[in-house]
């Protein structure tokens, strides 16, 4: 399976609702590397690296959060990087 890396910017009710922690635990569950952080404009930025299927499963897990409400998101591919951990930044 091919490993890909994507950068997402999420908008909506994504700060103060446990989004980053949900992302962290989903990343561990689905073997995803990368990071997630809050932005000053109220959005959340996340880079994820893994198989397309695992990334899709991770995103579904985040969206199923009780308080998370994603109104819109941007996504683009970025080059893969070394590393196998997922971090919450800031």
N, C-alpha and C. Protein backbone atom coordinates (compact mmCIF):
# COMPACT_ATOMS: atom_id res chain seq x y z
N UNK A 1 0.83 -1.18 0.00
CA UNK A 1 0.00 0.00 0.00
C UNK A 1 0.87 1.24 0.00
N UNK A 2 0.43 2.23 -0.74
CA UNK A 2 1.19 3.47 -0.84
C UNK A 2 0.96 4.36 0.37
N UNK A 3 2.04 4.96 0.83
CA UNK A 3 1.97 5.91 1.93
C UNK A 3 1.87 7.31 1.33
N UNK A 4 0.90 8.10 1.82
CA UNK A 4 0.70 9.46 1.36
C UNK A 4 0.73 10.40 2.56
N UNK A 5 0.90 11.69 2.29
CA UNK A 5 0.85 12.70 3.35
C UNK A 5 -0.03 13.85 2.86
N UNK A 6 -0.93 14.30 3.73
CA UNK A 6 -1.84 15.38 3.39
C UNK A 6 -1.88 16.41 4.50
N UNK A 7 -2.11 17.66 4.10
CA UNK A 7 -2.31 18.74 5.07
C UNK A 7 -3.76 19.19 4.96
N UNK A 8 -4.45 19.19 6.10
CA UNK A 8 -5.85 19.61 6.18
C UNK A 8 -5.95 20.86 7.03
N UNK A 9 -6.84 21.75 6.64
CA UNK A 9 -7.24 22.87 7.47
C UNK A 9 -8.75 22.74 7.67
N UNK A 10 -9.17 22.62 8.92
CA UNK A 10 -10.57 22.41 9.26
C UNK A 10 -11.17 23.69 9.82
N UNK A 11 -12.40 23.97 9.41
CA UNK A 11 -13.15 25.14 9.88
C UNK A 11 -14.47 24.67 10.47
N UNK A 12 -14.97 25.43 11.42
CA UNK A 12 -16.23 25.09 12.08
C UNK A 12 -16.03 25.11 13.58
N UNK A 13 -16.75 24.26 14.28
CA UNK A 13 -16.56 24.13 15.72
C UNK A 13 -15.49 23.07 15.95
N UNK A 14 -14.24 23.51 15.84
CA UNK A 14 -13.12 22.58 15.88
C UNK A 14 -12.10 22.91 16.98
N UNK A 15 -12.28 24.04 17.66
CA UNK A 15 -11.42 24.36 18.80
C UNK A 15 -12.24 24.34 20.07
N UNK A 16 -11.63 23.86 21.14
CA UNK A 16 -12.31 23.81 22.42
C UNK A 16 -13.31 22.67 22.55
N UNK A 17 -13.23 21.70 21.64
CA UNK A 17 -14.18 20.58 21.64
C UNK A 17 -13.47 19.23 21.64
N UNK A 18 -12.17 19.23 21.90
CA UNK A 18 -11.42 17.98 21.95
C UNK A 18 -10.95 17.46 20.60
N UNK A 19 -10.96 18.30 19.58
CA UNK A 19 -10.57 17.88 18.23
C UNK A 19 -9.16 17.31 18.21
N UNK A 20 -8.20 18.04 18.79
CA UNK A 20 -6.80 17.60 18.73
C UNK A 20 -6.58 16.28 19.46
N UNK A 21 -7.25 16.10 20.59
CA UNK A 21 -7.08 14.86 21.34
C UNK A 21 -7.77 13.70 20.63
N UNK A 22 -8.91 13.96 20.02
CA UNK A 22 -9.57 12.93 19.23
C UNK A 22 -8.67 12.53 18.06
N UNK A 23 -8.05 13.52 17.41
CA UNK A 23 -7.13 13.25 16.30
C UNK A 23 -5.94 12.41 16.78
N UNK A 24 -5.40 12.74 17.94
CA UNK A 24 -4.26 12.02 18.49
C UNK A 24 -4.59 10.54 18.71
N UNK A 25 -5.71 10.28 19.35
CA UNK A 25 -6.08 8.89 19.63
C UNK A 25 -6.47 8.14 18.36
N UNK A 26 -7.11 8.81 17.42
CA UNK A 26 -7.44 8.18 16.13
C UNK A 26 -6.16 7.87 15.35
N UNK A 27 -5.17 8.76 15.41
CA UNK A 27 -3.90 8.53 14.72
C UNK A 27 -3.22 7.28 15.28
N UNK A 28 -3.26 7.12 16.57
CA UNK A 28 -2.67 5.93 17.18
C UNK A 28 -3.42 4.67 16.76
N UNK A 29 -4.74 4.76 16.71
CA UNK A 29 -5.55 3.61 16.34
C UNK A 29 -5.32 3.17 14.90
N UNK A 30 -5.13 4.15 14.00
CA UNK A 30 -5.03 3.84 12.57
C UNK A 30 -3.60 3.95 12.02
N UNK A 31 -2.60 4.00 12.91
CA UNK A 31 -1.19 4.00 12.51
C UNK A 31 -0.86 5.16 11.59
N UNK A 32 -1.20 6.37 12.04
CA UNK A 32 -0.98 7.59 11.28
C UNK A 32 0.12 8.41 11.94
N UNK A 33 1.02 8.94 11.14
CA UNK A 33 2.06 9.86 11.62
C UNK A 33 1.63 11.28 11.27
N UNK A 34 2.20 12.26 11.98
CA UNK A 34 1.94 13.65 11.64
C UNK A 34 1.78 14.52 12.87
N UNK A 35 0.95 15.53 12.74
CA UNK A 35 0.73 16.49 13.83
C UNK A 35 -0.59 17.22 13.63
N UNK A 36 -1.04 17.89 14.71
CA UNK A 36 -2.25 18.70 14.67
C UNK A 36 -2.03 19.91 15.57
N UNK A 37 -2.58 21.07 15.16
CA UNK A 37 -2.44 22.27 15.99
C UNK A 37 -3.59 23.23 15.72
N UNK A 38 -3.91 24.03 16.75
CA UNK A 38 -4.89 25.09 16.63
C UNK A 38 -4.25 26.30 15.96
N UNK A 39 -5.02 27.02 15.18
CA UNK A 39 -4.58 28.27 14.57
C UNK A 39 -5.30 29.44 15.25
N UNK A 40 -4.72 30.63 15.15
CA UNK A 40 -5.29 31.80 15.80
C UNK A 40 -6.63 32.22 15.22
N UNK A 41 -6.93 31.82 13.98
CA UNK A 41 -8.19 32.20 13.34
C UNK A 41 -9.35 31.27 13.71
N UNK A 42 -9.10 30.30 14.60
CA UNK A 42 -10.15 29.37 15.03
C UNK A 42 -10.17 28.06 14.27
N UNK A 43 -9.32 27.94 13.27
CA UNK A 43 -9.24 26.70 12.50
C UNK A 43 -8.26 25.74 13.17
N UNK A 44 -8.23 24.52 12.66
CA UNK A 44 -7.26 23.51 13.10
C UNK A 44 -6.54 23.00 11.86
N UNK A 45 -5.20 22.95 11.93
CA UNK A 45 -4.38 22.42 10.84
C UNK A 45 -3.83 21.08 11.28
N UNK A 46 -3.84 20.13 10.34
CA UNK A 46 -3.36 18.78 10.66
C UNK A 46 -2.65 18.20 9.45
N UNK A 47 -1.47 17.63 9.66
CA UNK A 47 -0.79 16.85 8.64
C UNK A 47 -0.84 15.40 9.05
N UNK A 48 -1.20 14.54 8.10
CA UNK A 48 -1.30 13.12 8.38
C UNK A 48 -0.57 12.33 7.31
N UNK A 49 0.06 11.25 7.73
CA UNK A 49 0.79 10.39 6.81
C UNK A 49 0.45 8.94 7.11
N UNK A 50 0.04 8.22 6.08
CA UNK A 50 -0.31 6.82 6.20
C UNK A 50 -0.95 6.36 4.91
N UNK A 51 -1.64 5.24 4.96
CA UNK A 51 -2.34 4.79 3.76
C UNK A 51 -3.61 5.61 3.60
N UNK A 52 -4.09 5.70 2.38
CA UNK A 52 -5.32 6.46 2.10
C UNK A 52 -6.48 5.92 2.94
N UNK A 53 -6.58 4.60 3.04
CA UNK A 53 -7.66 3.98 3.80
C UNK A 53 -7.59 4.35 5.28
N UNK A 54 -6.39 4.30 5.86
CA UNK A 54 -6.24 4.63 7.27
C UNK A 54 -6.51 6.10 7.54
N UNK A 55 -6.07 6.97 6.63
CA UNK A 55 -6.35 8.41 6.79
C UNK A 55 -7.86 8.64 6.73
N UNK A 56 -8.54 8.02 5.78
CA UNK A 56 -10.00 8.16 5.69
C UNK A 56 -10.69 7.68 6.96
N UNK A 57 -10.22 6.56 7.51
CA UNK A 57 -10.80 6.04 8.75
C UNK A 57 -10.55 6.99 9.91
N UNK A 58 -9.37 7.58 9.97
CA UNK A 58 -9.05 8.54 11.02
C UNK A 58 -9.98 9.74 10.93
N UNK A 59 -10.14 10.28 9.73
CA UNK A 59 -11.01 11.44 9.54
C UNK A 59 -12.45 11.13 9.94
N UNK A 60 -12.92 9.95 9.61
CA UNK A 60 -14.27 9.56 9.98
C UNK A 60 -14.41 9.49 11.50
N UNK A 61 -13.40 8.98 12.16
CA UNK A 61 -13.41 8.90 13.62
C UNK A 61 -13.48 10.30 14.24
N UNK A 62 -12.73 11.25 13.68
CA UNK A 62 -12.75 12.62 14.20
C UNK A 62 -14.13 13.24 13.98
N UNK A 63 -14.68 13.06 12.80
CA UNK A 63 -15.99 13.65 12.48
C UNK A 63 -17.11 13.08 13.36
N UNK A 64 -16.94 11.87 13.84
CA UNK A 64 -17.96 11.24 14.69
C UNK A 64 -17.92 11.73 16.13
N UNK A 65 -17.01 12.67 16.43
CA UNK A 65 -16.93 13.22 17.78
C UNK A 65 -18.21 13.94 18.16
N UNK A 66 -18.57 13.84 19.42
CA UNK A 66 -19.83 14.43 19.90
C UNK A 66 -19.91 15.93 19.70
N UNK A 67 -18.83 16.63 19.94
CA UNK A 67 -18.88 18.09 19.93
C UNK A 67 -18.23 18.71 18.71
N UNK A 68 -17.48 17.92 17.95
CA UNK A 68 -16.80 18.41 16.75
C UNK A 68 -17.82 18.63 15.65
N UNK A 69 -17.75 19.79 15.00
CA UNK A 69 -18.62 20.08 13.88
C UNK A 69 -17.79 20.76 12.78
N UNK A 70 -17.39 19.97 11.79
CA UNK A 70 -16.57 20.49 10.69
C UNK A 70 -17.51 21.07 9.63
N UNK A 71 -17.41 22.39 9.40
CA UNK A 71 -18.23 23.05 8.38
C UNK A 71 -17.59 22.95 7.01
N UNK A 72 -16.27 23.03 6.97
CA UNK A 72 -15.53 23.05 5.72
C UNK A 72 -14.09 22.65 6.00
N UNK A 73 -13.40 22.17 4.97
CA UNK A 73 -11.97 21.90 5.13
C UNK A 73 -11.27 22.04 3.79
N UNK A 74 -9.99 22.35 3.87
CA UNK A 74 -9.11 22.38 2.70
C UNK A 74 -8.14 21.23 2.85
N UNK A 75 -7.73 20.65 1.72
CA UNK A 75 -6.81 19.52 1.76
C UNK A 75 -5.87 19.61 0.58
N UNK A 76 -4.59 19.38 0.81
CA UNK A 76 -3.64 19.22 -0.29
C UNK A 76 -2.54 18.26 0.11
N UNK A 77 -2.00 17.63 -0.91
CA UNK A 77 -0.93 16.67 -0.71
C UNK A 77 0.38 17.40 -0.45
N UNK A 78 1.18 16.82 0.43
CA UNK A 78 2.51 17.34 0.72
C UNK A 78 3.48 16.16 0.68
N UNK A 79 4.78 16.42 0.54
CA UNK A 79 5.75 15.32 0.48
C UNK A 79 5.78 14.52 1.80
N UNK A 80 5.99 13.22 1.68
CA UNK A 80 6.10 12.38 2.87
C UNK A 80 7.36 12.74 3.64
N UNK A 81 7.36 12.42 4.93
CA UNK A 81 8.48 12.73 5.82
C UNK A 81 8.84 11.49 6.62
N UNK A 82 10.03 11.49 7.17
CA UNK A 82 10.45 10.43 8.09
C UNK A 82 9.69 10.58 9.40
N UNK A 83 9.49 9.49 10.07
CA UNK A 83 8.86 9.55 11.39
C UNK A 83 7.60 8.72 11.43
N UNK A 84 7.27 8.28 12.64
CA UNK A 84 6.10 7.43 12.80
C UNK A 84 5.23 7.85 13.96
N UNK A 85 5.45 9.04 14.51
CA UNK A 85 4.66 9.49 15.64
C UNK A 85 3.64 10.54 15.21
N UNK A 86 2.66 10.78 16.05
CA UNK A 86 1.68 11.84 15.84
C UNK A 86 1.73 12.73 17.06
N UNK A 87 1.81 14.05 16.84
CA UNK A 87 1.97 15.00 17.94
C UNK A 87 0.87 16.04 17.94
N UNK A 88 0.56 16.50 19.14
CA UNK A 88 -0.27 17.68 19.30
C UNK A 88 0.70 18.83 19.51
N UNK A 89 0.62 19.84 18.66
CA UNK A 89 1.52 20.98 18.74
C UNK A 89 0.78 22.15 19.38
N UNK A 90 1.38 22.71 20.40
CA UNK A 90 0.81 23.90 21.04
C UNK A 90 -0.37 23.69 21.88
